[in-house]
Amino acid sequence: MTITAPFDGTIAAEPMNLRPFEVTATRQETHDTWTIDLRAADGGPDLSFSPGQFTMMYIFGVGEVPISIAGDPAHPETLIHTVRAVGAVTNAICALGPGDVIGIRGPYGSSWPVDKSTGRDMIIVAGGIGLAPVRPSIYTVLEHRDDYGAFSIVYGSRTPDDLLYTDEIREWKSQFHVNVQVTVDRGDSTWMGDVGVVTPLINRLSFDPDHAMAILCGPEIMMRVVAKDLARRGMPPSDIYVSLERNVKCGIGYCGHCQIGASFICKDGPVVAYDEVADRLGMEEL
């Protein structure tokens, strides 16, 4: 793979092309998670994307990794990713500073059905770093709030120190037209909120199951349990969407390592309707 510079207009036609992006800012979210702001460094266009899509982030001499885009689709001039340092590539990404340059491929993948959900109640449930891939959807709904019915955000994390975007969560909670529920697995002496899994919080939500759309992202056991709970409340499984991002590999399905059953998650996902994967959610890739 090679970096294309200057921009030659062939990026969309050649999915393996890398574009250079410069780091403009970094923010440490938790002890092991950073948010990275990028801008195109090749003179080419901004990287427009839909909520739920991902890019392949390439560190020269180290490797590449798929990471969901965590920024606002209405402001593609800044490409934002939130990354947890769990391996060689992600550790290298989290060590970047302003002025550093990395390679970006994409965006790839399917998207959350936010545009198809207008007029419906919206439910977004995230666990851990799963808040990052759904953040663009939250931005979109808030920016077009009158186009949707009741809007609920449910977020769970291991501890208060592991919560992402704490300033934004407080801002979302301050808006009277958004129902925000937050819980942690283990509280501390300063935590005044809920403790436990996210499932009981679903009972606090007000929505019409016949006219609602749910977006779930986080540990697969969480997505399975929440999807089943929503289905028991009458929501059609076809209106419940989950992310299988952990199965994404090369980004375009060439390597075959994203295969689950007959599906290639890089091409067919990572966002899929629950009714399409209910019997396979939690399976290891082939």
C-alpha atoms as a PDB file:
ATOM      1  CA  MET A   1       0.000   0.000   0.000  1.00  0.00           C
ATOM      2  CA  THR A   2       1.212   3.496  -0.774  1.00  0.00           C
ATOM      3  CA  ILE A   3       0.305   6.985   0.323  1.00  0.00           C
ATOM      4  CA  THR A   4      -1.296   9.017  -2.449  1.00  0.00           C
ATOM      5  CA  ALA A   5      -0.045  12.585  -2.525  1.00  0.00           C
ATOM      6  CA  PRO A   6      -1.115  14.919  -3.885  1.00  0.00           C
ATOM      7  CA  PHE A   7      -4.774  13.894  -4.170  1.00  0.00           C
ATOM      8  CA  ASP A   8      -5.392  12.491  -7.656  1.00  0.00           C
ATOM      9  CA  GLY A   9      -9.168  11.993  -7.632  1.00  0.00           C
ATOM     10  CA  THR A  10      -8.969   8.175  -7.685  1.00  0.00           C
ATOM     11  CA  ILE A  11      -9.567   7.414  -4.001  1.00  0.00           C
ATOM     12  CA  ALA A  12     -13.175   6.275  -4.391  1.00  0.00           C
ATOM     13  CA  ALA A  13     -12.287   4.048  -7.329  1.00  0.00           C
ATOM     14  CA  GLU A  14      -9.366   2.356  -5.543  1.00  0.00           C
ATOM     15  CA  PRO A  15     -10.351   1.178  -2.066  1.00  0.00           C
ATOM     16  CA  MET A  16      -6.814   0.113  -1.135  1.00  0.00           C
ATOM     17  CA  ASN A  17      -5.377   3.607  -1.564  1.00  0.00           C
ATOM     18  CA  LEU A  18      -4.161   5.319   1.570  1.00  0.00           C
ATOM     19  CA  ARG A  19      -4.579   9.036   2.127  1.00  0.00           C
ATOM     20  CA  PRO A  20      -2.319  10.949   4.520  1.00  0.00           C
ATOM     21  CA  PHE A  21      -4.104  12.644   7.430  1.00  0.00           C
ATOM     22  CA  GLU A  22      -2.472  14.962   9.952  1.00  0.00           C
ATOM     23  CA  VAL A  23      -3.263  14.834  13.648  1.00  0.00           C
ATOM     24  CA  THR A  24      -4.644  18.205  14.780  1.00  0.00           C
ATOM     25  CA  ALA A  25      -5.567  17.368  18.389  1.00  0.00           C
ATOM     26  CA  THR A  26      -5.730  14.492  20.866  1.00  0.00           C
ATOM     27  CA  ARG A  27      -7.739  14.070  24.066  1.00  0.00           C
ATOM     28  CA  GLN A  28      -7.322  11.388  26.691  1.00  0.00           C
ATOM     29  CA  GLU A  29     -10.774  10.029  27.531  1.00  0.00           C
ATOM     30  CA  THR A  30      -9.800   7.323  30.054  1.00  0.00           C
ATOM     31  CA  HIS A  31      -6.638   5.618  31.273  1.00  0.00           C
ATOM     32  CA  ASP A  32      -6.407   3.620  28.021  1.00  0.00           C
ATOM     33  CA  THR A  33      -8.541   5.509  25.489  1.00  0.00           C
ATOM     34  CA  TRP A  34      -7.806   8.592  23.383  1.00  0.00           C
ATOM     35  CA  THR A  35      -9.780  10.646  20.864  1.00  0.00           C
ATOM     36  CA  ILE A  36      -7.795  11.664  17.775  1.00  0.00           C
ATOM     37  CA  ASP A  37      -8.753  14.579  15.494  1.00  0.00           C
ATOM     38  CA  LEU A  38      -7.462  14.430  11.917  1.00  0.00           C
ATOM     39  CA  ARG A  39      -7.556  16.534   8.768  1.00  0.00           C
ATOM     40  CA  ALA A  40      -6.694  15.628   5.186  1.00  0.00           C
ATOM     41  CA  ALA A  41      -3.031  16.361   4.419  1.00  0.00           C
ATOM     42  CA  ASP A  42      -3.065  15.669   0.676  1.00  0.00           C
ATOM     43  CA  GLY A  43      -5.084  18.622  -0.615  1.00  0.00           C
ATOM     44  CA  GLY A  44      -8.017  16.320  -1.317  1.00  0.00           C
ATOM     45  CA  PRO A  45     -11.616  16.601  -0.155  1.00  0.00           C
ATOM     46  CA  ASP A  46     -12.886  16.060   3.355  1.00  0.00           C
ATOM     47  CA  LEU A  47     -13.768  12.455   4.178  1.00  0.00           C
ATOM     48  CA  SER A  48     -17.563  12.427   4.128  1.00  0.00           C
ATOM     49  CA  PHE A  49     -19.146   9.475   5.936  1.00  0.00           C
ATOM     50  CA  SER A  50     -22.397   8.110   7.304  1.00  0.00           C
ATOM     51  CA  PRO A  51     -22.978   7.266  11.001  1.00  0.00           C
ATOM     52  CA  GLY A  52     -21.643   3.790  11.761  1.00  0.00           C
ATOM     53  CA  GLN A  53     -18.981   3.624   9.052  1.00  0.00           C
ATOM     54  CA  PHE A  54     -15.315   2.979   9.825  1.00  0.00           C
ATOM     55  CA  THR A  55     -11.881   3.643   8.374  1.00  0.00           C
ATOM     56  CA  MET A  56      -8.679   1.647   8.316  1.00  0.00           C
ATOM     57  CA  MET A  57      -6.061   3.596  10.280  1.00  0.00           C
ATOM     58  CA  TYR A  58      -2.499   2.832   9.152  1.00  0.00           C
ATOM     59  CA  ILE A  59       0.626   3.498  11.200  1.00  0.00           C
ATOM     60  CA  PHE A  60       3.722   3.348   9.017  1.00  0.00           C
ATOM     61  CA  GLY A  61       5.976   0.465   9.980  1.00  0.00           C
ATOM     62  CA  VAL A  62       3.471  -0.932  12.482  1.00  0.00           C
ATOM     63  CA  GLY A  63       0.250  -1.908  10.712  1.00  0.00           C
ATOM     64  CA  GLU A  64      -3.377  -0.944  10.376  1.00  0.00           C
ATOM     65  CA  VAL A  65      -6.600  -1.421  12.306  1.00  0.00           C
ATOM     66  CA  PRO A  66     -10.313  -0.747  11.639  1.00  0.00           C
ATOM     67  CA  ILE A  67     -11.789   2.003  13.831  1.00  0.00           C
ATOM     68  CA  SER A  68     -15.296   3.464  13.672  1.00  0.00           C
ATOM     69  CA  ILE A  69     -15.595   7.159  12.952  1.00  0.00           C
ATOM     70  CA  ALA A  70     -16.722   9.012  16.081  1.00  0.00           C
ATOM     71  CA  GLY A  71     -17.227  12.540  14.757  1.00  0.00           C
ATOM     72  CA  ASP A  72     -20.112  14.580  13.418  1.00  0.00           C
ATOM     73  CA  PRO A  73     -21.136  13.713   9.836  1.00  0.00           C
ATOM     74  CA  ALA A  74     -22.183  17.349   9.388  1.00  0.00           C
ATOM     75  CA  HIS A  75     -18.546  18.430   9.916  1.00  0.00           C
ATOM     76  CA  PRO A  76     -16.359  16.090   7.849  1.00  0.00           C
ATOM     77  CA  GLU A  77     -13.523  18.612   7.797  1.00  0.00           C
ATOM     78  CA  THR A  78     -12.428  17.024  11.091  1.00  0.00           C
ATOM     79  CA  LEU A  79     -12.159  13.238  11.040  1.00  0.00           C
ATOM     80  CA  ILE A  80     -12.504  11.927  14.605  1.00  0.00           C
ATOM     81  CA  HIS A  81     -11.753   8.483  16.021  1.00  0.00           C
ATOM     82  CA  THR A  82     -11.806   7.251  19.601  1.00  0.00           C
ATOM     83  CA  VAL A  83      -9.253   4.483  20.113  1.00  0.00           C
ATOM     84  CA  ARG A  84      -8.546   2.121  23.000  1.00  0.00           C
ATOM     85  CA  ALA A  85      -4.890   1.105  23.369  1.00  0.00           C
ATOM     86  CA  VAL A  86      -5.039  -2.710  23.328  1.00  0.00           C
ATOM     87  CA  GLY A  87      -2.314  -3.746  20.850  1.00  0.00           C
ATOM     88  CA  ALA A  88       0.690  -2.599  18.861  1.00  0.00           C
ATOM     89  CA  VAL A  89      -1.247  -0.522  16.299  1.00  0.00           C
ATOM     90  CA  THR A  90      -3.736   1.036  18.699  1.00  0.00           C
ATOM     91  CA  ASN A  91      -0.950   1.835  21.176  1.00  0.00           C
ATOM     92  CA  ALA A  92       0.904   3.608  18.376  1.00  0.00           C
ATOM     93  CA  ILE A  93      -2.238   5.543  17.405  1.00  0.00           C
ATOM     94  CA  CYS A  94      -2.832   6.627  20.998  1.00  0.00           C
ATOM     95  CA  ALA A  95       0.758   7.878  21.200  1.00  0.00           C
ATOM     96  CA  LEU A  96       0.288  10.260  18.262  1.00  0.00           C
ATOM     97  CA  GLY A  97       0.491  13.991  18.752  1.00  0.00           C
ATOM     98  CA  PRO A  98      -0.409  17.110  16.742  1.00  0.00           C
ATOM     99  CA  GLY A  99       1.543  17.257  13.503  1.00  0.00           C
ATOM    100  CA  ASP A 100       1.970  13.496  13.156  1.00  0.00           C
ATOM    101  CA  VAL A 101       0.722  11.926   9.928  1.00  0.00           C
ATOM    102  CA  ILE A 102      -1.038   8.577   9.503  1.00  0.00           C
ATOM    103  CA  GLY A 103      -2.665   6.771   6.597  1.00  0.00           C
ATOM    104  CA  ILE A 104      -6.440   6.458   6.230  1.00  0.00           C
ATOM    105  CA  ARG A 105      -8.441   4.122   3.989  1.00  0.00           C
ATOM    106  CA  GLY A 106     -12.188   4.366   3.671  1.00  0.00           C
ATOM    107  CA  PRO A 107     -14.777   5.085   4.812  1.00  0.00           C
ATOM    108  CA  TYR A 108     -16.159   1.564   4.629  1.00  0.00           C
ATOM    109  CA  GLY A 109     -19.139  -0.419   5.784  1.00  0.00           C
ATOM    110  CA  SER A 110     -22.844  -0.080   6.285  1.00  0.00           C
ATOM    111  CA  SER A 111     -24.345   2.657   8.428  1.00  0.00           C
ATOM    112  CA  TRP A 112     -26.856   3.097  11.219  1.00  0.00           C
ATOM    113  CA  PRO A 113     -30.331   3.669   9.719  1.00  0.00           C
ATOM    114  CA  VAL A 114     -30.704   7.165  11.134  1.00  0.00           C
ATOM    115  CA  ASP A 115     -32.016   8.653   7.900  1.00  0.00           C
ATOM    116  CA  LYS A 116     -34.652   5.909   7.614  1.00  0.00           C
ATOM    117  CA  SER A 117     -35.786   6.504  11.199  1.00  0.00           C
ATOM    118  CA  THR A 118     -37.319   9.952  10.855  1.00  0.00           C
ATOM    119  CA  GLY A 119     -40.725  10.143  12.461  1.00  0.00           C
ATOM    120  CA  ARG A 120     -39.876   7.250  14.787  1.00  0.00           C
ATOM    121  CA  ASP A 121     -38.787   6.998  18.397  1.00  0.00           C
ATOM    122  CA  MET A 122     -35.009   6.472  18.595  1.00  0.00           C
ATOM    123  CA  ILE A 123     -33.254   4.265  21.144  1.00  0.00           C
ATOM    124  CA  ILE A 124     -29.447   4.145  21.320  1.00  0.00           C
ATOM    125  CA  VAL A 125     -27.825   1.678  23.707  1.00  0.00           C
ATOM    126  CA  ALA A 126     -24.042   1.542  24.064  1.00  0.00           C
ATOM    127  CA  GLY A 127     -21.602  -0.276  26.287  1.00  0.00           C
ATOM    128  CA  GLY A 128     -17.994   0.739  26.944  1.00  0.00           C
ATOM    129  CA  ILE A 129     -16.170   2.054  23.902  1.00  0.00           C
ATOM    130  CA  GLY A 130     -19.324   1.189  21.929  1.00  0.00           C
ATOM    131  CA  LEU A 131     -20.423   4.771  22.571  1.00  0.00           C
ATOM    132  CA  ALA A 132     -17.892   5.963  19.966  1.00  0.00           C
ATOM    133  CA  PRO A 133     -19.471   4.264  16.908  1.00  0.00           C
ATOM    134  CA  VAL A 134     -22.971   5.530  17.838  1.00  0.00           C
ATOM    135  CA  ARG A 135     -21.842   9.077  18.641  1.00  0.00           C
ATOM    136  CA  PRO A 136     -22.319  10.252  15.006  1.00  0.00           C
ATOM    137  CA  SER A 137     -25.919   9.022  15.201  1.00  0.00           C
ATOM    138  CA  ILE A 138     -26.471  10.970  18.420  1.00  0.00           C
ATOM    139  CA  TYR A 139     -25.130  14.102  16.739  1.00  0.00           C
ATOM    140  CA  THR A 140     -27.404  13.576  13.748  1.00  0.00           C
ATOM    141  CA  VAL A 141     -30.562  13.066  15.804  1.00  0.00           C
ATOM    142  CA  LEU A 142     -29.805  16.069  18.015  1.00  0.00           C
ATOM    143  CA  GLU A 143     -29.113  18.284  14.997  1.00  0.00           C
ATOM    144  CA  HIS A 144     -32.472  17.254  13.476  1.00  0.00           C
ATOM    145  CA  ARG A 145     -34.355  16.720  16.713  1.00  0.00           C
ATOM    146  CA  ASP A 146     -37.771  17.742  15.346  1.00  0.00           C
ATOM    147  CA  ASP A 147     -37.587  14.952  12.755  1.00  0.00           C
ATOM    148  CA  TYR A 148     -37.730  12.205  15.407  1.00  0.00           C
ATOM    149  CA  GLY A 149     -40.036  11.074  18.179  1.00  0.00           C
ATOM    150  CA  ALA A 150     -38.884  10.231  21.690  1.00  0.00           C
ATOM    151  CA  PHE A 151     -35.092   9.987  21.906  1.00  0.00           C
ATOM    152  CA  SER A 152     -33.358   7.808  24.500  1.00  0.00           C
ATOM    153  CA  ILE A 153     -29.662   7.142  25.120  1.00  0.00           C
ATOM    154  CA  VAL A 154     -28.594   4.317  27.445  1.00  0.00           C
ATOM    155  CA  TYR A 155     -24.898   3.945  28.232  1.00  0.00           C
ATOM    156  CA  GLY A 156     -23.076   1.489  30.452  1.00  0.00           C
ATOM    157  CA  SER A 157     -19.421   1.277  31.439  1.00  0.00           C
ATOM    158  CA  ARG A 158     -17.247  -0.743  33.806  1.00  0.00           C
ATOM    159  CA  THR A 159     -16.474   2.109  36.219  1.00  0.00           C
ATOM    160  CA  PRO A 160     -17.031   5.876  36.386  1.00  0.00           C
ATOM    161  CA  ASP A 161     -13.421   6.364  35.246  1.00  0.00           C
ATOM    162  CA  ASP A 162     -14.141   4.357  32.086  1.00  0.00           C
ATOM    163  CA  LEU A 163     -16.983   6.598  30.876  1.00  0.00           C
ATOM    164  CA  LEU A 164     -16.345   8.313  27.551  1.00  0.00           C
ATOM    165  CA  TYR A 165     -17.269  11.875  26.587  1.00  0.00           C
ATOM    166  CA  THR A 166     -18.329  12.836  30.111  1.00  0.00           C
ATOM    167  CA  ASP A 167     -18.770  16.516  29.233  1.00  0.00           C
ATOM    168  CA  GLU A 168     -21.009  15.630  26.308  1.00  0.00           C
ATOM    169  CA  ILE A 169     -23.038  13.207  28.417  1.00  0.00           C
ATOM    170  CA  ARG A 170     -23.744  16.021  30.882  1.00  0.00           C
ATOM    171  CA  GLU A 171     -24.770  18.234  27.967  1.00  0.00           C
ATOM    172  CA  TRP A 172     -27.099  15.554  26.579  1.00  0.00           C
ATOM    173  CA  LYS A 173     -28.640  15.070  30.022  1.00  0.00           C
ATOM    174  CA  SER A 174     -29.325  18.801  30.282  1.00  0.00           C
ATOM    175  CA  GLN A 175     -31.590  18.727  27.233  1.00  0.00           C
ATOM    176  CA  PHE A 176     -35.211  18.194  28.235  1.00  0.00           C
ATOM    177  CA  HIS A 177     -36.076  16.357  25.023  1.00  0.00           C
ATOM    178  CA  VAL A 178     -33.498  13.570  25.504  1.00  0.00           C
ATOM    179  CA  ASN A 179     -33.768  10.712  28.008  1.00  0.00           C
ATOM    180  CA  VAL A 180     -30.209   9.797  29.041  1.00  0.00           C
ATOM    181  CA  GLN A 181     -29.592   6.825  31.344  1.00  0.00           C
ATOM    182  CA  VAL A 182     -26.060   5.940  32.496  1.00  0.00           C
ATOM    183  CA  THR A 183     -24.890   3.029  34.620  1.00  0.00           C
ATOM    184  CA  VAL A 184     -21.582   1.477  35.682  1.00  0.00           C
ATOM    185  CA  ASP A 185     -20.718  -2.073  36.699  1.00  0.00           C
ATOM    186  CA  ARG A 186     -18.802  -0.890  39.754  1.00  0.00           C
ATOM    187  CA  GLY A 187     -19.308   2.478  41.391  1.00  0.00           C
ATOM    188  CA  ASP A 188     -16.997   4.366  43.721  1.00  0.00           C
ATOM    189  CA  SER A 189     -17.408   6.817  46.567  1.00  0.00           C
ATOM    190  CA  THR A 190     -18.064   9.695  44.150  1.00  0.00           C
ATOM    191  CA  TRP A 191     -20.549   7.911  41.871  1.00  0.00           C
ATOM    192  CA  MET A 192     -24.160   8.968  42.461  1.00  0.00           C
ATOM    193  CA  GLY A 193     -25.735   7.176  39.507  1.00  0.00           C
ATOM    194  CA  ASP A 194     -26.981   3.688  38.714  1.00  0.00           C
ATOM    195  CA  VAL A 195     -24.882   0.582  39.273  1.00  0.00           C
ATOM    196  CA  GLY A 196     -25.415  -2.596  37.259  1.00  0.00           C
ATOM    197  CA  VAL A 197     -26.034  -3.709  33.692  1.00  0.00           C
ATOM    198  CA  VAL A 198     -27.909  -1.604  31.151  1.00  0.00           C
ATOM    199  CA  THR A 199     -30.879  -3.963  30.732  1.00  0.00           C
ATOM    200  CA  PRO A 200     -32.985  -2.684  33.678  1.00  0.00           C
ATOM    201  CA  LEU A 201     -32.636   0.858  32.318  1.00  0.00           C
ATOM    202  CA  ILE A 202     -34.587  -0.152  29.207  1.00  0.00           C
ATOM    203  CA  ASN A 203     -37.695  -0.327  31.405  1.00  0.00           C
ATOM    204  CA  ARG A 204     -37.367   3.417  32.054  1.00  0.00           C
ATOM    205  CA  LEU A 205     -37.665   4.286  28.379  1.00  0.00           C
ATOM    206  CA  SER A 206     -40.843   5.528  26.770  1.00  0.00           C
ATOM    207  CA  PHE A 207     -41.275   4.422  23.158  1.00  0.00           C
ATOM    208  CA  ASP A 208     -43.812   2.958  20.770  1.00  0.00           C
ATOM    209  CA  PRO A 209     -42.419  -0.458  19.748  1.00  0.00           C
ATOM    210  CA  ASP A 210     -44.345  -0.333  16.464  1.00  0.00           C
ATOM    211  CA  HIS A 211     -42.775   3.008  15.540  1.00  0.00           C
ATOM    212  CA  ALA A 212     -39.272   2.874  16.970  1.00  0.00           C
ATOM    213  CA  MET A 213     -35.724   2.124  15.850  1.00  0.00           C
ATOM    214  CA  ALA A 214     -32.979   0.805  18.131  1.00  0.00           C
ATOM    215  CA  ILE A 215     -29.207   1.061  17.688  1.00  0.00           C
ATOM    216  CA  LEU A 216     -27.045  -1.207  19.864  1.00  0.00           C
ATOM    217  CA  CYS A 217     -23.253  -1.177  20.107  1.00  0.00           C
ATOM    218  CA  GLY A 218     -20.989  -2.754  22.685  1.00  0.00           C
ATOM    219  CA  PRO A 219     -20.129  -6.187  24.054  1.00  0.00           C
ATOM    220  CA  GLU A 220     -22.006  -8.864  22.154  1.00  0.00           C
ATOM    221  CA  ILE A 221     -23.619 -10.285  25.272  1.00  0.00           C
ATOM    222  CA  MET A 222     -25.046  -6.823  25.977  1.00  0.00           C
ATOM    223  CA  MET A 223     -26.397  -6.494  22.454  1.00  0.00           C
ATOM    224  CA  ARG A 224     -28.003  -9.939  22.591  1.00  0.00           C
ATOM    225  CA  VAL A 225     -29.688  -9.323  25.936  1.00  0.00           C
ATOM    226  CA  VAL A 226     -30.916  -5.834  25.056  1.00  0.00           C
ATOM    227  CA  ALA A 227     -32.164  -6.935  21.614  1.00  0.00           C
ATOM    228  CA  LYS A 228     -34.126  -9.785  23.159  1.00  0.00           C
ATOM    229  CA  ASP A 229     -35.570  -7.441  25.769  1.00  0.00           C
ATOM    230  CA  LEU A 230     -36.673  -4.933  23.136  1.00  0.00           C
ATOM    231  CA  ALA A 231     -38.212  -7.752  21.083  1.00  0.00           C
ATOM    232  CA  ARG A 232     -40.130  -8.928  24.155  1.00  0.00           C
ATOM    233  CA  ARG A 233     -41.526  -5.415  24.435  1.00  0.00           C
ATOM    234  CA  GLY A 234     -42.898  -5.738  20.917  1.00  0.00           C
ATOM    235  CA  MET A 235     -40.194  -4.174  18.760  1.00  0.00           C
ATOM    236  CA  PRO A 236     -39.669  -6.088  15.494  1.00  0.00           C
ATOM    237  CA  PRO A 237     -36.117  -7.540  15.316  1.00  0.00           C
ATOM    238  CA  SER A 238     -35.804  -5.951  11.870  1.00  0.00           C
ATOM    239  CA  ASP A 239     -35.955  -2.535  13.585  1.00  0.00           C
ATOM    240  CA  ILE A 240     -33.123  -3.377  15.989  1.00  0.00           C
ATOM    241  CA  TYR A 241     -29.609  -2.797  14.632  1.00  0.00           C
ATOM    242  CA  VAL A 242     -26.313  -4.066  16.046  1.00  0.00           C
ATOM    243  CA  SER A 243     -22.643  -3.579  15.200  1.00  0.00           C
ATOM    244  CA  LEU A 244     -20.276  -6.463  14.473  1.00  0.00           C
ATOM    245  CA  GLU A 245     -17.215  -4.221  14.231  1.00  0.00           C
ATOM    246  CA  ARG A 246     -14.982  -6.618  16.157  1.00  0.00           C
ATOM    247  CA  ASN A 247     -15.148  -8.962  13.150  1.00  0.00           C
ATOM    248  CA  VAL A 248     -13.904  -6.348  10.673  1.00  0.00           C
ATOM    249  CA  LYS A 249     -10.424  -7.088   9.306  1.00  0.00           C
ATOM    250  CA  CYS A 250      -9.133  -5.636   6.014  1.00  0.00           C
ATOM    251  CA  GLY A 251     -12.105  -3.314   5.459  1.00  0.00           C
ATOM    252  CA  ILE A 252     -13.161  -4.608   2.040  1.00  0.00           C
ATOM    253  CA  GLY A 253     -13.606  -8.366   2.442  1.00  0.00           C
ATOM    254  CA  TYR A 254     -10.562  -9.387   0.381  1.00  0.00           C
ATOM    255  CA  CYS A 255      -8.786 -11.309   3.130  1.00  0.00           C
ATOM    256  CA  GLY A 256     -11.859 -13.341   4.126  1.00  0.00           C
ATOM    257  CA  HIS A 257     -11.140 -13.171   7.850  1.00  0.00           C
ATOM    258  CA  CYS A 258     -14.334 -11.204   8.503  1.00  0.00           C
ATOM    259  CA  GLN A 259     -16.537 -14.117   7.463  1.00  0.00           C
ATOM    260  CA  ILE A 260     -19.329 -15.190   9.805  1.00  0.00           C
ATOM    261  CA  GLY A 261     -21.463 -17.880   8.255  1.00  0.00           C
ATOM    262  CA  ALA A 262     -22.137 -16.747   4.698  1.00  0.00           C
ATOM    263  CA  SER A 263     -21.563 -13.047   5.450  1.00  0.00           C
ATOM    264  CA  PHE A 264     -18.441 -10.939   5.108  1.00  0.00           C
ATOM    265  CA  ILE A 265     -18.753  -8.275   7.781  1.00  0.00           C
ATOM    266  CA  CYS A 266     -16.395  -5.826   6.056  1.00  0.00           C
ATOM    267  CA  LYS A 267     -18.798  -5.699   3.092  1.00  0.00           C
ATOM    268  CA  ASP A 268     -22.156  -6.695   4.575  1.00  0.00           C
ATOM    269  CA  GLY A 269     -21.698  -4.854   7.876  1.00  0.00           C
ATOM    270  CA  PRO A 270     -20.603  -3.924  10.389  1.00  0.00           C
ATOM    271  CA  VAL A 271     -24.095  -2.520  11.023  1.00  0.00           C
ATOM    272  CA  VAL A 272     -26.745  -5.195  10.505  1.00  0.00           C
ATOM    273  CA  ALA A 273     -30.341  -5.784  11.535  1.00  0.00           C
ATOM    274  CA  TYR A 274     -30.698  -8.084  14.521  1.00  0.00           C
ATOM    275  CA  ASP A 275     -33.061 -10.433  12.701  1.00  0.00           C
ATOM    276  CA  GLU A 276     -30.274 -11.168  10.207  1.00  0.00           C
ATOM    277  CA  VAL A 277     -27.732 -12.238  12.841  1.00  0.00           C
ATOM    278  CA  ALA A 278     -29.748 -13.299  15.895  1.00  0.00           C
ATOM    279  CA  ASP A 279     -28.661 -16.913  15.486  1.00  0.00           C
ATOM    280  CA  ARG A 280     -25.026 -15.996  14.825  1.00  0.00           C
ATOM    281  CA  LEU A 281     -24.331 -13.113  17.188  1.00  0.00           C
ATOM    282  CA  GLY A 282     -21.393 -14.220  19.283  1.00  0.00           C
ATOM    283  CA  MET A 283     -20.000 -16.704  16.763  1.00  0.00           C
ATOM    284  CA  GLU A 284     -16.278 -16.600  16.112  1.00  0.00           C
ATOM    285  CA  GLU A 285     -15.172 -15.569  12.640  1.00  0.00           C
ATOM    286  CA  LEU A 286     -14.163 -18.429  10.335  1.00  0.00           C
END
